[in-house]
Amino acid sequence: MNLKELTLKYFNTFSNKDVDGLRELFSCDVSLRDWEISASGIEEVINANQKIFDSLDTISVVPIEICQTGNITASEMEIHINNSESIKVVDIIEFNSDCKICAIRAYKG
């Protein structure tokens, strides 16, 4: 599976609020940073995602464009929240040599 496909798998897994699926995609030392959250290590990142999922009825990631350079994908997307709100986000996702996600940096706008 190439990194663009893995990125889509991550978005689908996130949209399904599947923390077990996320755990399979993440490296042990994964880090997450966005406009509200900063977490390091798989347990902290899983817990941060679980808090997001618990606070929302629905969340859906709709990719607009995914670009890849080396082991990094940059994705422009819309995230639909609770079937009523939509935000534009760019995710920079870094993969390690085992094709596991080792860093996610998300930017709103």
PDB file of N, CA and C in Angstrom:
ATOM      1  N   MET A   1       0.848  -1.181   0.000  1.00  0.00           N
ATOM      2  CA  MET A   1       0.000   0.000   0.000  1.00  0.00           C
ATOM      3  C   MET A   1       0.893   1.244   0.000  1.00  0.00           C
ATOM      4  N   ASN A   2       0.619   2.195  -0.904  1.00  0.00           N
ATOM      5  CA  ASN A   2       1.450   3.403  -0.927  1.00  0.00           C
ATOM      6  C   ASN A   2       0.987   4.399   0.141  1.00  0.00           C
ATOM      7  N   LEU A   3       1.761   5.447   0.339  1.00  0.00           N
ATOM      8  CA  LEU A   3       1.485   6.383   1.432  1.00  0.00           C
ATOM      9  C   LEU A   3       0.204   7.183   1.226  1.00  0.00           C
ATOM     10  N   LYS A   4      -0.159   7.477  -0.013  1.00  0.00           N
ATOM     11  CA  LYS A   4      -1.437   8.152  -0.257  1.00  0.00           C
ATOM     12  C   LYS A   4      -2.599   7.255   0.160  1.00  0.00           C
ATOM     13  N   GLU A   5      -2.496   5.965  -0.155  1.00  0.00           N
ATOM     14  CA  GLU A   5      -3.534   5.015   0.250  1.00  0.00           C
ATOM     15  C   GLU A   5      -3.583   4.880   1.775  1.00  0.00           C
ATOM     16  N   LEU A   6      -2.417   4.857   2.419  1.00  0.00           N
ATOM     17  CA  LEU A   6      -2.380   4.798   3.884  1.00  0.00           C
ATOM     18  C   LEU A   6      -2.974   6.054   4.501  1.00  0.00           C
ATOM     19  N   THR A   7      -2.742   7.195   3.865  1.00  0.00           N
ATOM     20  CA  THR A   7      -3.332   8.448   4.349  1.00  0.00           C
ATOM     21  C   THR A   7      -4.853   8.378   4.259  1.00  0.00           C
ATOM     22  N   LEU A   8      -5.370   7.879   3.141  1.00  0.00           N
ATOM     23  CA  LEU A   8      -6.824   7.708   3.004  1.00  0.00           C
ATOM     24  C   LEU A   8      -7.362   6.724   4.036  1.00  0.00           C
ATOM     25  N   LYS A   9      -6.615   5.654   4.285  1.00  0.00           N
ATOM     26  CA  LYS A   9      -7.026   4.689   5.306  1.00  0.00           C
ATOM     27  C   LYS A   9      -7.098   5.364   6.670  1.00  0.00           C
ATOM     28  N   TYR A  10      -6.121   6.214   6.978  1.00  0.00           N
ATOM     29  CA  TYR A  10      -6.134   6.962   8.241  1.00  0.00           C
ATOM     30  C   TYR A  10      -7.381   7.840   8.319  1.00  0.00           C
ATOM     31  N   PHE A  11      -7.683   8.584   7.258  1.00  0.00           N
ATOM     32  CA  PHE A  11      -8.867   9.450   7.272  1.00  0.00           C
ATOM     33  C   PHE A  11     -10.150   8.645   7.457  1.00  0.00           C
ATOM     34  N   ASN A  12     -10.265   7.508   6.797  1.00  0.00           N
ATOM     35  CA  ASN A  12     -11.450   6.662   6.943  1.00  0.00           C
ATOM     36  C   ASN A  12     -11.554   6.096   8.355  1.00  0.00           C
ATOM     37  N   THR A  13     -10.431   5.667   8.899  1.00  0.00           N
ATOM     38  CA  THR A  13     -10.405   5.122  10.258  1.00  0.00           C
ATOM     39  C   THR A  13     -10.786   6.198  11.261  1.00  0.00           C
ATOM     40  N   PHE A  14     -10.266   7.408  11.067  1.00  0.00           N
ATOM     41  CA  PHE A  14     -10.598   8.543  11.932  1.00  0.00           C
ATOM     42  C   PHE A  14     -12.088   8.853  11.814  1.00  0.00           C
ATOM     43  N   SER A  15     -12.605   8.902  10.598  1.00  0.00           N
ATOM     44  CA  SER A  15     -14.024   9.206  10.382  1.00  0.00           C
ATOM     45  C   SER A  15     -14.933   8.169  11.036  1.00  0.00           C
ATOM     46  N   ASN A  16     -14.459   6.940  11.140  1.00  0.00           N
ATOM     47  CA  ASN A  16     -15.222   5.867  11.777  1.00  0.00           C
ATOM     48  C   ASN A  16     -15.033   5.827  13.291  1.00  0.00           C
ATOM     49  N   LYS A  17     -14.261   6.767  13.833  1.00  0.00           N
ATOM     50  CA  LYS A  17     -13.972   6.840  15.270  1.00  0.00           C
ATOM     51  C   LYS A  17     -13.390   5.519  15.788  1.00  0.00           C
ATOM     52  N   ASP A  18     -12.532   4.903  14.997  1.00  0.00           N
ATOM     53  CA  ASP A  18     -11.992   3.577  15.275  1.00  0.00           C
ATOM     54  C   ASP A  18     -10.604   3.696  15.918  1.00  0.00           C
ATOM     55  N   VAL A  19     -10.567   3.779  17.243  1.00  0.00           N
ATOM     56  CA  VAL A  19      -9.277   3.950  17.918  1.00  0.00           C
ATOM     57  C   VAL A  19      -8.397   2.707  17.795  1.00  0.00           C
ATOM     58  N   ASP A  20      -8.996   1.528  17.731  1.00  0.00           N
ATOM     59  CA  ASP A  20      -8.186   0.317  17.541  1.00  0.00           C
ATOM     60  C   ASP A  20      -7.532   0.330  16.165  1.00  0.00           C
ATOM     61  N   GLY A  21      -8.269   0.778  15.158  1.00  0.00           N
ATOM     62  CA  GLY A  21      -7.707   0.916  13.815  1.00  0.00           C
ATOM     63  C   GLY A  21      -6.603   1.956  13.769  1.00  0.00           C
ATOM     64  N   LEU A  22      -6.791   3.073  14.503  1.00  0.00           N
ATOM     65  CA  LEU A  22      -5.749   4.101  14.569  1.00  0.00           C
ATOM     66  C   LEU A  22      -4.488   3.529  15.207  1.00  0.00           C
ATOM     67  N   ARG A  23      -4.664   2.766  16.269  1.00  0.00           N
ATOM     68  CA  ARG A  23      -3.515   2.166  16.965  1.00  0.00           C
ATOM     69  C   ARG A  23      -2.672   1.335  15.995  1.00  0.00           C
ATOM     70  N   GLU A  24      -3.318   0.633  15.079  1.00  0.00           N
ATOM     71  CA  GLU A  24      -2.598  -0.177  14.099  1.00  0.00           C
ATOM     72  C   GLU A  24      -1.813   0.672  13.097  1.00  0.00           C
ATOM     73  N   LEU A  25      -2.299   1.889  12.843  1.00  0.00           N
ATOM     74  CA  LEU A  25      -1.644   2.763  11.864  1.00  0.00           C
ATOM     75  C   LEU A  25      -0.498   3.582  12.467  1.00  0.00           C
ATOM     76  N   PHE A  26      -0.501   3.750  13.793  1.00  0.00           N
ATOM     77  CA  PHE A  26       0.472   4.624  14.469  1.00  0.00           C
ATOM     78  C   PHE A  26       1.720   3.869  14.894  1.00  0.00           C
ATOM     79  N   SER A  27       2.860   4.576  14.850  1.00  0.00           N
ATOM     80  CA  SER A  27       4.085   4.062  15.463  1.00  0.00           C
ATOM     81  C   SER A  27       3.986   4.296  16.971  1.00  0.00           C
ATOM     82  N   CYS A  28       4.820   3.617  17.734  1.00  0.00           N
ATOM     83  CA  CYS A  28       4.805   3.774  19.198  1.00  0.00           C
ATOM     84  C   CYS A  28       5.136   5.191  19.627  1.00  0.00           C
ATOM     85  N   ASP A  29       5.966   5.876  18.834  1.00  0.00           N
ATOM     86  CA  ASP A  29       6.415   7.225  19.200  1.00  0.00           C
ATOM     87  C   ASP A  29       5.674   8.318  18.427  1.00  0.00           C
ATOM     88  N   VAL A  30       4.472   8.030  17.958  1.00  0.00           N
ATOM     89  CA  VAL A  30       3.692   8.988  17.179  1.00  0.00           C
ATOM     90  C   VAL A  30       3.486  10.288  17.961  1.00  0.00           C
ATOM     91  N   SER A  31       3.441  11.396  17.221  1.00  0.00           N
ATOM     92  CA  SER A  31       3.126  12.684  17.841  1.00  0.00           C
ATOM     93  C   SER A  31       1.993  13.334  17.055  1.00  0.00           C
ATOM     94  N   LEU A  32       1.203  14.130  17.765  1.00  0.00           N
ATOM     95  CA  LEU A  32       0.070  14.842  17.185  1.00  0.00           C
ATOM     96  C   LEU A  32       0.108  16.282  17.655  1.00  0.00           C
ATOM     97  N   ARG A  33      -0.026  17.198  16.692  1.00  0.00           N
ATOM     98  CA  ARG A  33      -0.092  18.615  17.052  1.00  0.00           C
ATOM     99  C   ARG A  33      -1.110  19.278  16.148  1.00  0.00           C
ATOM    100  N   ASP A  34      -2.048  20.001  16.750  1.00  0.00           N
ATOM    101  CA  ASP A  34      -2.961  20.828  15.971  1.00  0.00           C
ATOM    102  C   ASP A  34      -3.179  22.128  16.720  1.00  0.00           C
ATOM    103  N   TRP A  35      -4.218  22.862  16.369  1.00  0.00           N
ATOM    104  CA  TRP A  35      -4.457  24.179  16.949  1.00  0.00           C
ATOM    105  C   TRP A  35      -4.965  24.094  18.381  1.00  0.00           C
ATOM    106  N   GLU A  36      -5.293  22.886  18.880  1.00  0.00           N
ATOM    107  CA  GLU A  36      -5.776  22.728  20.249  1.00  0.00           C
ATOM    108  C   GLU A  36      -5.028  21.660  21.041  1.00  0.00           C
ATOM    109  N   ILE A  37      -4.391  20.726  20.371  1.00  0.00           N
ATOM    110  CA  ILE A  37      -3.841  19.530  21.007  1.00  0.00           C
ATOM    111  C   ILE A  37      -2.351  19.383  20.699  1.00  0.00           C
ATOM    112  N   SER A  38      -1.622  18.900  21.693  1.00  0.00           N
ATOM    113  CA  SER A  38      -0.262  18.448  21.477  1.00  0.00           C
ATOM    114  C   SER A  38      -0.101  17.171  22.297  1.00  0.00           C
ATOM    115  N   ALA A  39       0.209  16.058  21.626  1.00  0.00           N
ATOM    116  CA  ALA A  39       0.333  14.776  22.313  1.00  0.00           C
ATOM    117  C   ALA A  39       1.507  14.015  21.721  1.00  0.00           C
ATOM    118  N   SER A  40       2.192  13.247  22.580  1.00  0.00           N
ATOM    119  CA  SER A  40       3.342  12.445  22.150  1.00  0.00           C
ATOM    120  C   SER A  40       3.218  11.043  22.705  1.00  0.00           C
ATOM    121  N   GLY A  41       3.567  10.061  21.876  1.00  0.00           N
ATOM    122  CA  GLY A  41       3.479   8.667  22.279  1.00  0.00           C
ATOM    123  C   GLY A  41       2.100   8.115  21.938  1.00  0.00           C
ATOM    124  N   ILE A  42       2.060   6.839  21.627  1.00  0.00           N
ATOM    125  CA  ILE A  42       0.827   6.247  21.115  1.00  0.00           C
ATOM    126  C   ILE A  42      -0.337   6.359  22.103  1.00  0.00           C
ATOM    127  N   GLU A  43      -0.090   6.171  23.397  1.00  0.00           N
ATOM    128  CA  GLU A  43      -1.197   6.239  24.359  1.00  0.00           C
ATOM    129  C   GLU A  43      -1.780   7.645  24.460  1.00  0.00           C
ATOM    130  N   GLU A  44      -0.914   8.664  24.506  1.00  0.00           N
ATOM    131  CA  GLU A  44      -1.400  10.053  24.560  1.00  0.00           C
ATOM    132  C   GLU A  44      -2.172  10.420  23.302  1.00  0.00           C
ATOM    133  N   VAL A  45      -1.659  10.001  22.148  1.00  0.00           N
ATOM    134  CA  VAL A  45      -2.320  10.330  20.878  1.00  0.00           C
ATOM    135  C   VAL A  45      -3.658   9.597  20.764  1.00  0.00           C
ATOM    136  N   ILE A  46      -3.692   8.332  21.150  1.00  0.00           N
ATOM    137  CA  ILE A  46      -4.961   7.581  21.146  1.00  0.00           C
ATOM    138  C   ILE A  46      -5.957   8.241  22.093  1.00  0.00           C
ATOM    139  N   ASN A  47      -5.521   8.611  23.287  1.00  0.00           N
ATOM    140  CA  ASN A  47      -6.411   9.269  24.250  1.00  0.00           C
ATOM    141  C   ASN A  47      -6.925  10.604  23.717  1.00  0.00           C
ATOM    142  N   ALA A  48      -6.070  11.362  23.050  1.00  0.00           N
ATOM    143  CA  ALA A  48      -6.493  12.648  22.470  1.00  0.00           C
ATOM    144  C   ALA A  48      -7.559  12.419  21.399  1.00  0.00           C
ATOM    145  N   ASN A  49      -7.359  11.411  20.567  1.00  0.00           N
ATOM    146  CA  ASN A  49      -8.362  11.093  19.543  1.00  0.00           C
ATOM    147  C   ASN A  49      -9.659  10.623  20.183  1.00  0.00           C
ATOM    148  N   GLN A  50      -9.577   9.802  21.230  1.00  0.00           N
ATOM    149  CA  GLN A  50     -10.782   9.316  21.900  1.00  0.00           C
ATOM    150  C   GLN A  50     -11.587  10.482  22.482  1.00  0.00           C
ATOM    151  N   LYS A  51     -10.893  11.479  23.040  1.00  0.00           N
ATOM    152  CA  LYS A  51     -11.585  12.657  23.578  1.00  0.00           C
ATOM    153  C   LYS A  51     -12.317  13.413  22.472  1.00  0.00           C
ATOM    154  N   ILE A  52     -11.684  13.528  21.308  1.00  0.00           N
ATOM    155  CA  ILE A  52     -12.347  14.164  20.165  1.00  0.00           C
ATOM    156  C   ILE A  52     -13.603  13.374  19.801  1.00  0.00           C
ATOM    157  N   PHE A  53     -13.454  12.070  19.661  1.00  0.00           N
ATOM    158  CA  PHE A  53     -14.575  11.223  19.259  1.00  0.00           C
ATOM    159  C   PHE A  53     -15.714  11.289  20.273  1.00  0.00           C
ATOM    160  N   ASP A  54     -15.375  11.277  21.570  1.00  0.00           N
ATOM    161  CA  ASP A  54     -16.397  11.317  22.620  1.00  0.00           C
ATOM    162  C   ASP A  54     -17.162  12.633  22.633  1.00  0.00           C
ATOM    163  N   SER A  55     -16.524  13.701  22.156  1.00  0.00           N
ATOM    164  CA  SER A  55     -17.158  15.027  22.214  1.00  0.00           C
ATOM    165  C   SER A  55     -18.061  15.310  21.007  1.00  0.00           C
ATOM    166  N   LEU A  56     -18.073  14.415  20.014  1.00  0.00           N
ATOM    167  CA  LEU A  56     -18.823  14.649  18.784  1.00  0.00           C
ATOM    168  C   LEU A  56     -19.769  13.499  18.485  1.00  0.00           C
ATOM    169  N   ASP A  57     -20.920  13.838  17.914  1.00  0.00           N
ATOM    170  CA  ASP A  57     -21.816  12.792  17.437  1.00  0.00           C
ATOM    171  C   ASP A  57     -21.244  12.159  16.172  1.00  0.00           C
ATOM    172  N   THR A  58     -20.842  13.003  15.215  1.00  0.00           N
ATOM    173  CA  THR A  58     -20.273  12.511  13.964  1.00  0.00           C
ATOM    174  C   THR A  58     -19.090  13.369  13.557  1.00  0.00           C
ATOM    175  N   ILE A  59     -18.169  12.731  12.850  1.00  0.00           N
ATOM    176  CA  ILE A  59     -17.043  13.446  12.244  1.00  0.00           C
ATOM    177  C   ILE A  59     -16.707  12.724  10.939  1.00  0.00           C
ATOM    178  N   SER A  60     -16.471  13.495   9.899  1.00  0.00           N
ATOM    179  CA  SER A  60     -16.186  12.906   8.599  1.00  0.00           C
ATOM    180  C   SER A  60     -15.107  13.719   7.903  1.00  0.00           C
ATOM    181  N   VAL A  61     -14.032  13.046   7.519  1.00  0.00           N
ATOM    182  CA  VAL A  61     -12.933  13.686   6.809  1.00  0.00           C
ATOM    183  C   VAL A  61     -13.154  13.492   5.311  1.00  0.00           C
ATOM    184  N   VAL A  62     -13.196  14.615   4.577  1.00  0.00           N
ATOM    185  CA  VAL A  62     -13.386  14.569   3.129  1.00  0.00           C
ATOM    186  C   VAL A  62     -12.129  15.134   2.471  1.00  0.00           C
ATOM    187  N   PRO A  63     -11.241  14.266   1.972  1.00  0.00           N
ATOM    188  CA  PRO A  63     -10.012  14.744   1.333  1.00  0.00           C
ATOM    189  C   PRO A  63     -10.314  15.482   0.030  1.00  0.00           C
ATOM    190  N   ILE A  64      -9.603  16.581  -0.173  1.00  0.00           N
ATOM    191  CA  ILE A  64      -9.715  17.338  -1.418  1.00  0.00           C
ATOM    192  C   ILE A  64      -8.507  17.038  -2.298  1.00  0.00           C
ATOM    193  N   GLU A  65      -7.334  17.052  -1.690  1.00  0.00           N
ATOM    194  CA  GLU A  65      -6.084  16.804  -2.426  1.00  0.00           C
ATOM    195  C   GLU A  65      -5.080  16.173  -1.475  1.00  0.00           C
ATOM    196  N   ILE A  66      -4.366  15.156  -1.944  1.00  0.00           N
ATOM    197  CA  ILE A  66      -3.291  14.539  -1.173  1.00  0.00           C
ATOM    198  C   ILE A  66      -2.037  14.565  -2.032  1.00  0.00           C
ATOM    199  N   CYS A  67      -0.992  15.174  -1.515  1.00  0.00           N
ATOM    200  CA  CYS A  67       0.300  15.233  -2.201  1.00  0.00           C
ATOM    201  C   CYS A  67       1.319  14.467  -1.354  1.00  0.00           C
ATOM    202  N   GLN A  68       2.307  13.885  -2.024  1.00  0.00           N
ATOM    203  CA  GLN A  68       3.336  13.126  -1.324  1.00  0.00           C
ATOM    204  C   GLN A  68       4.713  13.576  -1.767  1.00  0.00           C
ATOM    205  N   THR A  69       5.586  13.741  -0.778  1.00  0.00           N
ATOM    206  CA  THR A  69       7.003  13.979  -1.018  1.00  0.00           C
ATOM    207  C   THR A  69       7.765  13.088  -0.060  1.00  0.00           C
ATOM    208  N   GLY A  70       8.513  12.150  -0.593  1.00  0.00           N
ATOM    209  CA  GLY A  70       9.259  11.225   0.265  1.00  0.00           C
ATOM    210  C   GLY A  70       8.314  10.477   1.183  1.00  0.00           C
ATOM    211  N   ASN A  71       8.579  10.547   2.488  1.00  0.00           N
ATOM    212  CA  ASN A  71       7.771   9.832   3.474  1.00  0.00           C
ATOM    213  C   ASN A  71       6.703  10.705   4.132  1.00  0.00           C
ATOM    214  N   ILE A  72       6.346  11.808   3.462  1.00  0.00           N
ATOM    215  CA  ILE A  72       5.374  12.757   4.014  1.00  0.00           C
ATOM    216  C   ILE A  72       4.242  12.975   3.025  1.00  0.00           C
ATOM    217  N   THR A  73       3.003  12.991   3.563  1.00  0.00           N
ATOM    218  CA  THR A  73       1.866  13.409   2.750  1.00  0.00           C
ATOM    219  C   THR A  73       1.326  14.716   3.312  1.00  0.00           C
ATOM    220  N   ALA A  74       0.865  15.562   2.405  1.00  0.00           N
ATOM    221  CA  ALA A  74       0.193  16.815   2.770  1.00  0.00           C
ATOM    222  C   ALA A  74      -1.206  16.735   2.173  1.00  0.00           C
ATOM    223  N   SER A  75      -2.204  16.918   3.007  1.00  0.00           N
ATOM    224  CA  SER A  75      -3.584  16.721   2.576  1.00  0.00           C
ATOM    225  C   SER A  75      -4.441  17.931   2.913  1.00  0.00           C
ATOM    226  N   GLU A  76      -5.106  18.435   1.894  1.00  0.00           N
ATOM    227  CA  GLU A  76      -6.122  19.459   2.093  1.00  0.00           C
ATOM    228  C   GLU A  76      -7.449  18.729   2.234  1.00  0.00           C
ATOM    229  N   MET A  77      -8.248  19.126   3.214  1.00  0.00           N
ATOM    230  CA  MET A  77      -9.503  18.424   3.450  1.00  0.00           C
ATOM    231  C   MET A  77     -10.540  19.322   4.098  1.00  0.00           C
ATOM    232  N   GLU A  78     -11.758  18.836   4.066  1.00  0.00           N
ATOM    233  CA  GLU A  78     -12.831  19.418   4.855  1.00  0.00           C
ATOM    234  C   GLU A  78     -13.217  18.384   5.893  1.00  0.00           C
ATOM    235  N   ILE A  79     -13.420  18.849   7.116  1.00  0.00           N
ATOM    236  CA  ILE A  79     -13.887  17.964   8.172  1.00  0.00           C
ATOM    237  C   ILE A  79     -15.295  18.412   8.536  1.00  0.00           C
ATOM    238  N   HIS A  80     -16.235  17.484   8.398  1.00  0.00           N
ATOM    239  CA  HIS A  80     -17.636  17.751   8.721  1.00  0.00           C
ATOM    240  C   HIS A  80     -17.899  17.231  10.128  1.00  0.00           C
ATOM    241  N   ILE A  81     -18.428  18.123  10.960  1.00  0.00           N
ATOM    242  CA  ILE A  81     -18.630  17.820  12.373  1.00  0.00           C
ATOM    243  C   ILE A  81     -20.117  17.887  12.699  1.00  0.00           C
ATOM    244  N   ASN A  82     -20.622  16.814  13.308  1.00  0.00           N
ATOM    245  CA  ASN A  82     -22.019  16.743  13.762  1.00  0.00           C
ATOM    246  C   ASN A  82     -23.014  17.089  12.660  1.00  0.00           C
ATOM    247  N   ASN A  83     -22.671  16.795  11.432  1.00  0.00           N
ATOM    248  CA  ASN A  83     -23.547  17.048  10.284  1.00  0.00           C
ATOM    249  C   ASN A  83     -24.012  18.500  10.181  1.00  0.00           C
ATOM    250  N   SER A  84     -23.291  19.421  10.835  1.00  0.00           N
ATOM    251  CA  SER A  84     -23.738  20.823  10.800  1.00  0.00           C
ATOM    252  C   SER A  84     -22.606  21.816  10.579  1.00  0.00           C
ATOM    253  N   GLU A  85     -21.400  21.454  10.933  1.00  0.00           N
ATOM    254  CA  GLU A  85     -20.259  22.365  10.838  1.00  0.00           C
ATOM    255  C   GLU A  85     -19.220  21.760   9.916  1.00  0.00           C
ATOM    256  N   SER A  86     -18.499  22.627   9.193  1.00  0.00           N
ATOM    257  CA  SER A  86     -17.440  22.175   8.312  1.00  0.00           C
ATOM    258  C   SER A  86     -16.230  23.079   8.497  1.00  0.00           C
ATOM    259  N   ILE A  87     -15.057  22.465   8.656  1.00  0.00           N
ATOM    260  CA  ILE A  87     -13.828  23.254   8.759  1.00  0.00           C
ATOM    261  C   ILE A  87     -12.830  22.752   7.723  1.00  0.00           C
ATOM    262  N   LYS A  88     -12.036  23.673   7.225  1.00  0.00           N
ATOM    263  CA  LYS A  88     -10.975  23.330   6.280  1.00  0.00           C
ATOM    264  C   LYS A  88      -9.697  23.102   7.078  1.00  0.00           C
ATOM    265  N   VAL A  89      -8.983  22.013   6.732  1.00  0.00           N
ATOM    266  CA  VAL A  89      -7.795  21.614   7.479  1.00  0.00           C
ATOM    267  C   VAL A  89      -6.744  21.110   6.498  1.00  0.00           C
ATOM    268  N   VAL A  90      -5.484  21.324   6.835  1.00  0.00           N
ATOM    269  CA  VAL A  90      -4.367  20.704   6.135  1.00  0.00           C
ATOM    270  C   VAL A  90      -3.643  19.815   7.135  1.00  0.00           C
ATOM    271  N   ASP A  91      -3.463  18.557   6.771  1.00  0.00           N
ATOM    272  CA  ASP A  91      -2.702  17.609   7.587  1.00  0.00           C
ATOM    273  C   ASP A  91      -1.374  17.316   6.911  1.00  0.00           C
ATOM    274  N   ILE A  92      -0.314  17.396   7.680  1.00  0.00           N
ATOM    275  CA  ILE A  92       1.000  16.942   7.267  1.00  0.00           C
ATOM    276  C   ILE A  92       1.251  15.657   8.055  1.00  0.00           C
ATOM    277  N   ILE A  93       1.351  14.541   7.347  1.00  0.00           N
ATOM    278  CA  ILE A  93       1.503  13.239   7.999  1.00  0.00           C
ATOM    279  C   ILE A  93       2.843  12.636   7.587  1.00  0.00           C
ATOM    280  N   GLU A  94       3.634  12.283   8.594  1.00  0.00           N
ATOM    281  CA  GLU A  94       4.947  11.685   8.358  1.00  0.00           C
ATOM    282  C   GLU A  94       4.901  10.197   8.696  1.00  0.00           C
ATOM    283  N   PHE A  95       5.478   9.386   7.830  1.00  0.00           N
ATOM    284  CA  PHE A  95       5.516   7.942   8.015  1.00  0.00           C
ATOM    285  C   PHE A  95       6.953   7.499   8.281  1.00  0.00           C
ATOM    286  N   ASN A  96       7.111   6.466   9.115  1.00  0.00           N
ATOM    287  CA  ASN A  96       8.444   5.922   9.345  1.00  0.00           C
ATOM    288  C   ASN A  96       8.760   4.847   8.291  1.00  0.00           C
ATOM    289  N   SER A  97       9.897   4.189   8.438  1.00  0.00           N
ATOM    290  CA  SER A  97      10.324   3.203   7.440  1.00  0.00           C
ATOM    291  C   SER A  97       9.439   1.957   7.415  1.00  0.00           C
ATOM    292  N   ASP A  98       8.621   1.755   8.460  1.00  0.00           N
ATOM    293  CA  ASP A  98       7.677   0.635   8.511  1.00  0.00           C
ATOM    294  C   ASP A  98       6.286   1.041   8.008  1.00  0.00           C
ATOM    295  N   CYS A  99       6.200   2.236   7.422  1.00  0.00           N
ATOM    296  CA  CYS A  99       4.922   2.775   6.914  1.00  0.00           C
ATOM    297  C   CYS A  99       3.891   2.970   8.021  1.00  0.00           C
ATOM    298  N   LYS A 100       4.375   3.271   9.214  1.00  0.00           N
ATOM    299  CA  LYS A 100       3.506   3.642  10.335  1.00  0.00           C
ATOM    300  C   LYS A 100       3.547   5.164  10.476  1.00  0.00           C
ATOM    301  N   ILE A 101       2.436   5.747  10.882  1.00  0.00           N
ATOM    302  CA  ILE A 101       2.376   7.196  11.080  1.00  0.00           C
ATOM    303  C   ILE A 101       3.174   7.545  12.328  1.00  0.00           C
ATOM    304  N   CYS A 102       4.166   8.437  12.159  1.00  0.00           N
ATOM    305  CA  CYS A 102       4.989   8.834  13.298  1.00  0.00           C
ATOM    306  C   CYS A 102       4.764  10.290  13.698  1.00  0.00           C
ATOM    307  N   ALA A 103       4.114  11.075  12.829  1.00  0.00           N
ATOM    308  CA  ALA A 103       3.813  12.464  13.193  1.00  0.00           C
ATOM    309  C   ALA A 103       2.629  12.971  12.360  1.00  0.00           C
ATOM    310  N   ILE A 104       1.752  13.685  13.044  1.00  0.00           N
ATOM    311  CA  ILE A 104       0.615  14.361  12.401  1.00  0.00           C
ATOM    312  C   ILE A 104       0.636  15.804  12.864  1.00  0.00           C
ATOM    313  N   ARG A 105       0.669  16.706  11.901  1.00  0.00           N
ATOM    314  CA  ARG A 105       0.578  18.132  12.205  1.00  0.00           C
ATOM    315  C   ARG A 105      -0.609  18.670  11.408  1.00  0.00           C
ATOM    316  N   ALA A 106      -1.577  19.212  12.120  1.00  0.00           N
ATOM    317  CA  ALA A 106      -2.810  19.678  11.476  1.00  0.00           C
ATOM    318  C   ALA A 106      -2.925  21.187  11.626  1.00  0.00           C
ATOM    319  N   TYR A 107      -3.329  21.827  10.541  1.00  0.00           N
ATOM    320  CA  TYR A 107      -3.446  23.281  10.507  1.00  0.00           C
ATOM    321  C   TYR A 107      -4.840  23.661  10.027  1.00  0.00           C
ATOM    322  N   LYS A 108      -5.492  24.502  10.797  1.00  0.00           N
ATOM    323  CA  LYS A 108      -6.843  24.933  10.473  1.00  0.00           C
ATOM    324  C   LYS A 108      -6.783  26.093   9.474  1.00  0.00           C
ATOM    325  N   GLY A 109      -7.732  26.112   8.569  1.00  0.00           N
ATOM    326  CA  GLY A 109      -7.793  27.236   7.650  1.00  0.00           C
ATOM    327  C   GLY A 109      -7.986  26.762   6.292  1.00  0.00           C
TER     328      GLY A 109
END
